[in-house]
């Protein structure tokens, strides 16, 4: 099961503490006729204490999270009803506990060790045996091998045979995330990196910009110990394109900008700009994360002044170890 599906189905089994009485009680409409009766015969229904049901849903959440984090597809699927329905943000549907179990089994095999955290924004009881919940899920790959994935969800619980179960859930893109929250996906770039070869030494240093809504990278290329090119790169979130955008400026006066497209642990960056000679330039740069302290970089489809030029073959960049004594 794809990670995007994970963020959908894991969301439904959540609840929170500290809900106010209005959120956690059943709303019963008043009888218009009774409203005109004497006060002693008022039709107003007292608020119902749903504390036991809140605790039961919270226990279901604990059961779900424990099963998910253990990679137990059967136990995870058991928190759903037999006819449960899940729909992801692309409209793809999975129906029935058996199908959900199979999806989990495939996902756990593809993403071993991933963990789930759930933040509930609201839980409301719609009736004696129905509850509606909204919140956010965060799925974190094992060992920091990838960026956490955050998704908004709306979930429905039903009570069957005295037990609460997940009945339906809809996943949606989290449109209200701040630029800083978006950039958590690329936070692994923060730090000092280096590539050393016979031809050149490439060093980069990345950190959060002031305010925390951009990442700034400094890069230097040296040959024979002398710098031949340096520059800066800023990375941020473009809310119009719903993509990461980058701006690049080199020491020779060239500049460009481009957009990121992600596939798994690989980011493809289409860049266009102007070189130091005043000619238009373009390239497709490919960044592949190979672990916590290792990535590769290559540049293809390069042009200068409308003419194709040789690309840059893939090379490996590693995180620079800290200086001794620091």
Protein backbone atom coordinates (compact mmCIF):
# COMPACT_ATOMS: atom_id res chain seq x y z
CA UNK A 1 0.00 0.00 0.00
CA UNK A 2 1.32 3.39 -0.91
CA UNK A 3 2.26 5.84 1.83
CA UNK A 4 -0.51 8.20 0.73
CA UNK A 5 -3.00 5.45 1.49
CA UNK A 6 -1.38 4.88 4.89
CA UNK A 7 -2.06 8.46 5.88
CA UNK A 8 -5.70 7.84 5.06
CA UNK A 9 -6.54 4.58 6.77
CA UNK A 10 -4.53 5.07 9.92
CA UNK A 11 -6.33 8.28 10.70
CA UNK A 12 -9.72 6.97 11.61
CA UNK A 13 -8.91 5.34 14.93
CA UNK A 14 -8.12 8.49 16.88
CA UNK A 15 -9.54 10.59 19.69
CA UNK A 16 -8.32 13.23 22.07
CA UNK A 17 -8.69 14.40 25.64
CA UNK A 18 -10.01 17.63 27.03
CA UNK A 19 -13.02 17.89 24.70
CA UNK A 20 -15.65 20.34 25.84
CA UNK A 21 -19.14 19.27 26.76
CA UNK A 22 -20.64 20.62 23.55
CA UNK A 23 -18.36 18.51 21.40
CA UNK A 24 -18.72 15.31 23.39
CA UNK A 25 -22.48 15.18 23.91
CA UNK A 26 -25.39 14.22 21.69
CA UNK A 27 -27.44 17.12 20.38
CA UNK A 28 -31.21 16.43 20.67
CA UNK A 29 -33.54 18.85 18.81
CA UNK A 30 -36.24 20.40 20.96
CA UNK A 31 -39.91 19.68 20.32
CA UNK A 32 -41.48 23.00 19.08
CA UNK A 33 -44.79 22.21 20.72
CA UNK A 34 -43.22 21.33 24.01
CA UNK A 35 -41.26 24.55 23.94
CA UNK A 36 -44.52 26.42 24.58
CA UNK A 37 -45.47 24.24 27.59
CA UNK A 38 -45.03 25.40 31.20
CA UNK A 39 -41.49 25.35 32.49
CA UNK A 40 -42.24 22.34 34.73
CA UNK A 41 -42.93 20.29 31.59
CA UNK A 42 -39.97 21.48 29.55
CA UNK A 43 -38.92 19.16 26.69
CA UNK A 44 -35.25 20.11 26.95
CA UNK A 45 -33.18 16.92 27.13
CA UNK A 46 -30.26 16.94 29.56
CA UNK A 47 -26.82 16.55 28.01
CA UNK A 48 -25.66 12.97 27.94
CA UNK A 49 -22.35 12.03 29.52
CA UNK A 50 -20.32 10.30 26.81
CA UNK A 51 -17.19 9.85 28.89
CA UNK A 52 -17.27 6.05 28.62
CA UNK A 53 -17.60 6.24 24.85
CA UNK A 54 -14.72 8.73 24.64
CA UNK A 55 -12.58 6.32 26.64
CA UNK A 56 -13.57 3.45 24.37
CA UNK A 57 -12.63 5.37 21.24
CA UNK A 58 -9.37 6.41 22.85
CA UNK A 59 -8.66 2.74 23.61
CA UNK A 60 -9.38 1.93 19.97
CA UNK A 61 -6.81 4.55 19.00
CA UNK A 62 -4.22 2.97 21.30
CA UNK A 63 -4.98 -0.44 19.84
CA UNK A 64 -4.68 0.87 16.30
CA UNK A 65 -1.42 2.74 16.84
CA UNK A 66 0.14 -0.22 18.64
CA UNK A 67 -0.81 -2.59 15.81
CA UNK A 68 0.35 -0.18 13.09
CA UNK A 69 3.71 0.48 14.72
CA UNK A 70 4.23 -3.26 15.15
CA UNK A 71 3.52 -3.83 11.45
CA UNK A 72 0.64 -6.17 12.29
CA UNK A 73 -1.78 -5.94 9.36
CA UNK A 74 -4.37 -8.28 10.87
CA UNK A 75 -4.60 -6.44 14.19
CA UNK A 76 -4.68 -3.08 12.41
CA UNK A 77 -7.56 -4.17 10.17
CA UNK A 78 -9.46 -5.57 13.16
CA UNK A 79 -10.10 -1.98 14.31
CA UNK A 80 -12.40 -1.56 11.27
CA UNK A 81 -15.92 -2.79 10.65
CA UNK A 82 -16.44 -5.64 8.19
CA UNK A 83 -17.77 -3.17 5.59
CA UNK A 84 -15.47 -0.22 6.30
CA UNK A 85 -14.73 2.26 3.51
CA UNK A 86 -11.60 4.38 3.05
CA UNK A 87 -11.12 7.02 0.34
CA UNK A 88 -7.85 8.83 -0.30
CA UNK A 89 -7.42 12.39 -1.59
CA UNK A 90 -7.31 11.11 -5.17
CA UNK A 91 -10.68 9.43 -4.79
CA UNK A 92 -9.31 5.87 -4.70
CA UNK A 93 -11.52 3.58 -2.60
CA UNK A 94 -10.81 0.47 -0.55
CA UNK A 95 -13.87 -1.35 0.79
CA UNK A 96 -14.12 -4.08 3.39
CA UNK A 97 -11.92 -5.22 6.26
CA UNK A 98 -10.27 -7.96 4.19
CA UNK A 99 -9.16 -5.53 1.47
CA UNK A 100 -7.89 -3.09 4.09
CA UNK A 101 -5.90 -5.87 5.75
CA UNK A 102 -4.29 -6.79 2.41
CA UNK A 103 -3.38 -3.15 1.78
CA UNK A 104 -1.76 -2.88 5.19
CA UNK A 105 0.20 -6.09 4.67
CA UNK A 106 1.60 -4.79 1.39
CA UNK A 107 2.38 -1.39 2.87
CA UNK A 108 4.15 -2.77 5.92
CA UNK A 109 6.26 -4.94 3.61
CA UNK A 110 7.19 -1.94 1.44
CA UNK A 111 7.76 0.47 4.35
CA UNK A 112 8.96 -1.58 7.33
CA UNK A 113 9.33 0.30 10.59
CA UNK A 114 7.18 3.32 9.70
CA UNK A 115 5.34 4.81 12.67
CA UNK A 116 2.11 6.76 13.05
CA UNK A 117 1.11 9.72 15.22
CA UNK A 118 -2.41 11.16 15.30
CA UNK A 119 -3.54 14.60 16.42
CA UNK A 120 -7.30 15.05 16.90
CA UNK A 121 -8.86 18.47 16.38
CA UNK A 122 -12.48 17.56 17.15
CA UNK A 123 -14.61 14.57 18.17
CA UNK A 124 -18.39 14.90 18.09
CA UNK A 125 -21.07 12.30 18.84
CA UNK A 126 -23.87 12.37 16.26
CA UNK A 127 -26.01 9.78 18.00
CA UNK A 128 -25.85 6.94 20.52
CA UNK A 129 -23.80 4.78 18.14
CA UNK A 130 -22.15 7.24 15.74
CA UNK A 131 -19.22 9.67 16.11
CA UNK A 132 -17.46 12.09 13.76
CA UNK A 133 -13.81 13.00 14.10
CA UNK A 134 -11.41 15.38 12.36
CA UNK A 135 -7.67 15.65 12.76
CA UNK A 136 -4.23 15.12 11.33
CA UNK A 137 -1.96 12.11 10.89
CA UNK A 138 1.82 12.03 10.63
CA UNK A 139 3.59 8.99 9.23
CA UNK A 140 7.35 8.84 9.82
CA UNK A 141 9.59 6.42 7.87
CA UNK A 142 11.91 4.17 9.84
CA UNK A 143 15.30 5.54 10.83
CA UNK A 144 14.66 8.98 9.37
CA UNK A 145 14.95 7.56 5.85
CA UNK A 146 12.36 10.01 4.56
CA UNK A 147 10.31 13.03 5.47
CA UNK A 148 7.21 12.68 7.67
CA UNK A 149 3.96 12.80 5.71
CA UNK A 150 1.14 14.90 7.17
CA UNK A 151 -2.47 14.51 6.07
CA UNK A 152 -5.86 15.84 7.21
CA UNK A 153 -8.70 13.36 7.75
CA UNK A 154 -12.40 13.09 8.52
CA UNK A 155 -13.51 9.82 10.12
CA UNK A 156 -16.74 8.15 11.21
CA UNK A 157 -16.99 5.60 14.03
CA UNK A 158 -19.91 3.28 14.70
CA UNK A 159 -20.72 1.21 17.75
CA UNK A 160 -21.52 -2.43 17.01
CA UNK A 161 -22.23 -5.04 19.66
CA UNK A 162 -21.05 -2.61 22.32
CA UNK A 163 -17.69 -1.97 20.60
CA UNK A 164 -16.58 1.09 18.63
CA UNK A 165 -15.03 0.46 15.22
CA UNK A 166 -13.82 2.52 12.27
CA UNK A 167 -16.53 2.66 9.60
CA UNK A 168 -15.47 5.31 7.06
CA UNK A 169 -12.63 7.76 6.52
CA UNK A 170 -11.74 10.39 3.95
CA UNK A 171 -8.21 11.71 3.52
CA UNK A 172 -7.50 15.22 2.24
CA UNK A 173 -4.46 17.29 1.45
CA UNK A 174 -3.46 19.38 4.44
CA UNK A 175 -3.96 22.82 2.89
CA UNK A 176 -3.46 24.71 6.16
CA UNK A 177 0.14 23.68 6.77
CA UNK A 178 2.61 26.52 7.25
CA UNK A 179 5.59 26.87 4.87
CA UNK A 180 7.81 25.64 7.72
CA UNK A 181 5.67 22.51 8.15
CA UNK A 182 5.84 21.88 4.40
CA UNK A 183 9.62 22.18 4.42
CA UNK A 184 9.91 19.44 7.04
CA UNK A 185 9.93 17.15 3.99
CA UNK A 186 13.33 18.59 3.04
CA UNK A 187 14.71 19.18 6.54
CA UNK A 188 17.10 16.27 6.02
CA UNK A 189 19.16 18.63 3.81
CA UNK A 190 20.12 20.73 6.84
CA UNK A 191 23.80 20.34 7.68
CA UNK A 192 27.19 20.30 5.97
CA UNK A 193 27.81 18.02 2.97
CA UNK A 194 30.85 17.22 0.82
CA UNK A 195 31.93 15.37 -2.31
CA UNK A 196 35.62 14.83 -2.98
CA UNK A 197 37.04 13.50 -6.23
CA UNK A 198 40.21 13.90 -8.29
CA UNK A 199 38.51 16.56 -10.38
CA UNK A 200 36.95 18.77 -7.71
CA UNK A 201 35.66 19.18 -4.19
CA UNK A 202 32.02 20.24 -3.83
CA UNK A 203 30.88 21.52 -0.43
CA UNK A 204 27.39 22.56 0.56
CA UNK A 205 25.95 23.89 3.78
CA UNK A 206 22.21 24.11 4.43
CA UNK A 207 20.22 25.71 7.25
CA UNK A 208 16.91 27.33 8.10
CA UNK A 209 16.50 30.95 6.98
CA UNK A 210 15.44 33.55 9.52
CA UNK A 211 11.77 32.97 10.35
CA UNK A 212 11.96 29.28 9.49
CA UNK A 213 9.94 29.44 6.25
CA UNK A 214 12.82 28.87 3.81
CA UNK A 215 15.93 26.71 3.57
CA UNK A 216 19.18 28.42 2.52
CA UNK A 217 22.08 26.51 0.96
CA UNK A 218 25.61 27.73 0.26
CA UNK A 219 27.75 25.81 -2.22
CA UNK A 220 31.42 25.97 -3.27
CA UNK A 221 33.28 24.11 -6.02
CA UNK A 222 37.08 23.90 -5.74
CA UNK A 223 39.75 22.47 -8.06
CA UNK A 224 43.38 22.19 -6.99
CA UNK A 225 42.31 23.76 -3.70
CA UNK A 226 41.06 26.95 -5.36
CA UNK A 227 37.37 27.96 -5.56
CA UNK A 228 36.12 28.18 -9.12
CA UNK A 229 32.41 28.65 -8.42
CA UNK A 230 30.22 29.38 -5.44
CA UNK A 231 26.67 30.46 -4.89
CA UNK A 232 23.50 30.43 -2.86
CA UNK A 233 20.21 28.59 -3.16
CA UNK A 234 16.92 29.33 -1.41
CA UNK A 235 14.15 26.72 -1.21
CA UNK A 236 10.54 27.49 -0.24
CA UNK A 237 6.93 26.39 -0.71
CA UNK A 238 4.91 27.87 -3.58
CA UNK A 239 1.23 27.78 -2.48
CA UNK A 240 0.01 28.54 -6.02
CA UNK A 241 1.83 25.66 -7.68
CA UNK A 242 1.66 23.45 -4.56
CA UNK A 243 5.33 22.60 -5.11
CA UNK A 244 8.71 23.41 -3.64
CA UNK A 245 10.42 26.22 -5.53
CA UNK A 246 14.11 27.11 -5.65
CA UNK A 247 16.04 30.27 -6.50
CA UNK A 248 19.75 29.94 -7.38
CA UNK A 249 22.44 32.64 -7.67
CA UNK A 250 26.07 31.89 -8.58
CA UNK A 251 29.23 33.92 -8.03
CA UNK A 252 29.64 34.57 -11.75
CA UNK A 253 26.36 36.45 -12.03
CA UNK A 254 24.21 33.61 -13.28
CA UNK A 255 20.81 32.94 -11.74
CA UNK A 256 17.85 30.64 -12.14
CA UNK A 257 14.74 29.18 -10.58
CA UNK A 258 12.96 25.87 -10.66
CA UNK A 259 10.36 23.52 -9.16
CA UNK A 260 10.69 20.19 -7.33
CA UNK A 261 8.76 17.02 -8.17
CA UNK A 262 9.11 14.10 -5.77
CA UNK A 263 8.98 10.38 -6.47
CA UNK A 264 9.76 8.34 -3.36
CA UNK A 265 13.21 9.38 -2.13
CA UNK A 266 14.06 11.17 -5.36
CA UNK A 267 13.48 14.85 -6.16
CA UNK A 268 13.57 16.08 -9.77
CA UNK A 269 14.24 19.83 -10.10
CA UNK A 270 13.51 21.53 -13.44
CA UNK A 271 15.62 24.71 -13.55
CA UNK A 272 15.65 27.62 -16.01
CA UNK A 273 17.71 30.78 -15.84
CA UNK A 274 20.41 32.99 -17.31
CA UNK A 275 24.12 32.18 -17.36
CA UNK A 276 26.95 34.56 -16.62
CA UNK A 277 27.35 35.25 -20.37
CA UNK A 278 23.73 36.34 -20.66
CA UNK A 279 22.53 33.21 -22.46
CA UNK A 280 19.42 31.29 -21.35
CA UNK A 281 20.22 28.03 -19.56
CA UNK A 282 18.16 25.06 -18.41
CA UNK A 283 18.72 21.72 -16.72
CA UNK A 284 17.02 18.84 -14.96
CA UNK A 285 18.75 18.15 -11.65
CA UNK A 286 18.06 14.90 -9.80
CA UNK A 287 18.63 14.53 -6.05
CA UNK A 288 18.29 11.04 -4.56
CA UNK A 289 18.36 10.47 -0.83
CA UNK A 290 20.26 7.28 -0.09
CA UNK A 291 20.10 7.39 3.71
CA UNK A 292 20.37 9.73 6.64
CA UNK A 293 23.89 10.90 5.71
CA UNK A 294 24.13 10.17 2.02
CA UNK A 295 22.62 11.43 -1.25
CA UNK A 296 23.43 11.55 -4.95
CA UNK A 297 23.18 14.42 -7.44
CA UNK A 298 23.21 14.56 -11.21
CA UNK A 299 22.24 17.02 -13.93
CA UNK A 300 20.68 16.05 -17.26
CA UNK A 301 18.93 17.74 -20.21
CA UNK A 302 21.27 20.72 -19.96
CA UNK A 303 21.11 23.55 -22.50
CA UNK A 304 22.95 26.84 -23.02
CA UNK A 305 21.57 29.37 -25.48
CA UNK A 306 19.12 26.79 -26.77
CA UNK A 307 21.82 24.22 -27.60
CA UNK A 308 22.33 20.96 -25.74
CA UNK A 309 25.47 20.59 -23.64
CA UNK A 310 26.88 17.55 -21.80
CA UNK A 311 25.24 16.64 -18.51
CA UNK A 312 26.91 15.97 -15.18
CA UNK A 313 27.12 12.31 -14.25
CA UNK A 314 25.68 11.16 -10.93
CA UNK A 315 27.98 11.56 -7.96
CA UNK A 316 27.61 10.89 -4.25
CA UNK A 317 27.53 13.52 -1.51
CA UNK A 318 27.96 12.58 2.16
CA UNK A 319 27.28 14.45 5.34
CA UNK A 320 30.47 16.05 6.61
CA UNK A 321 31.58 14.66 9.98
CA UNK A 322 31.93 17.20 12.80
CA UNK A 323 35.34 18.77 13.36
CA UNK A 324 37.41 17.03 16.01
CA UNK A 325 37.20 18.84 19.33
CA UNK A 326 33.81 20.45 18.65
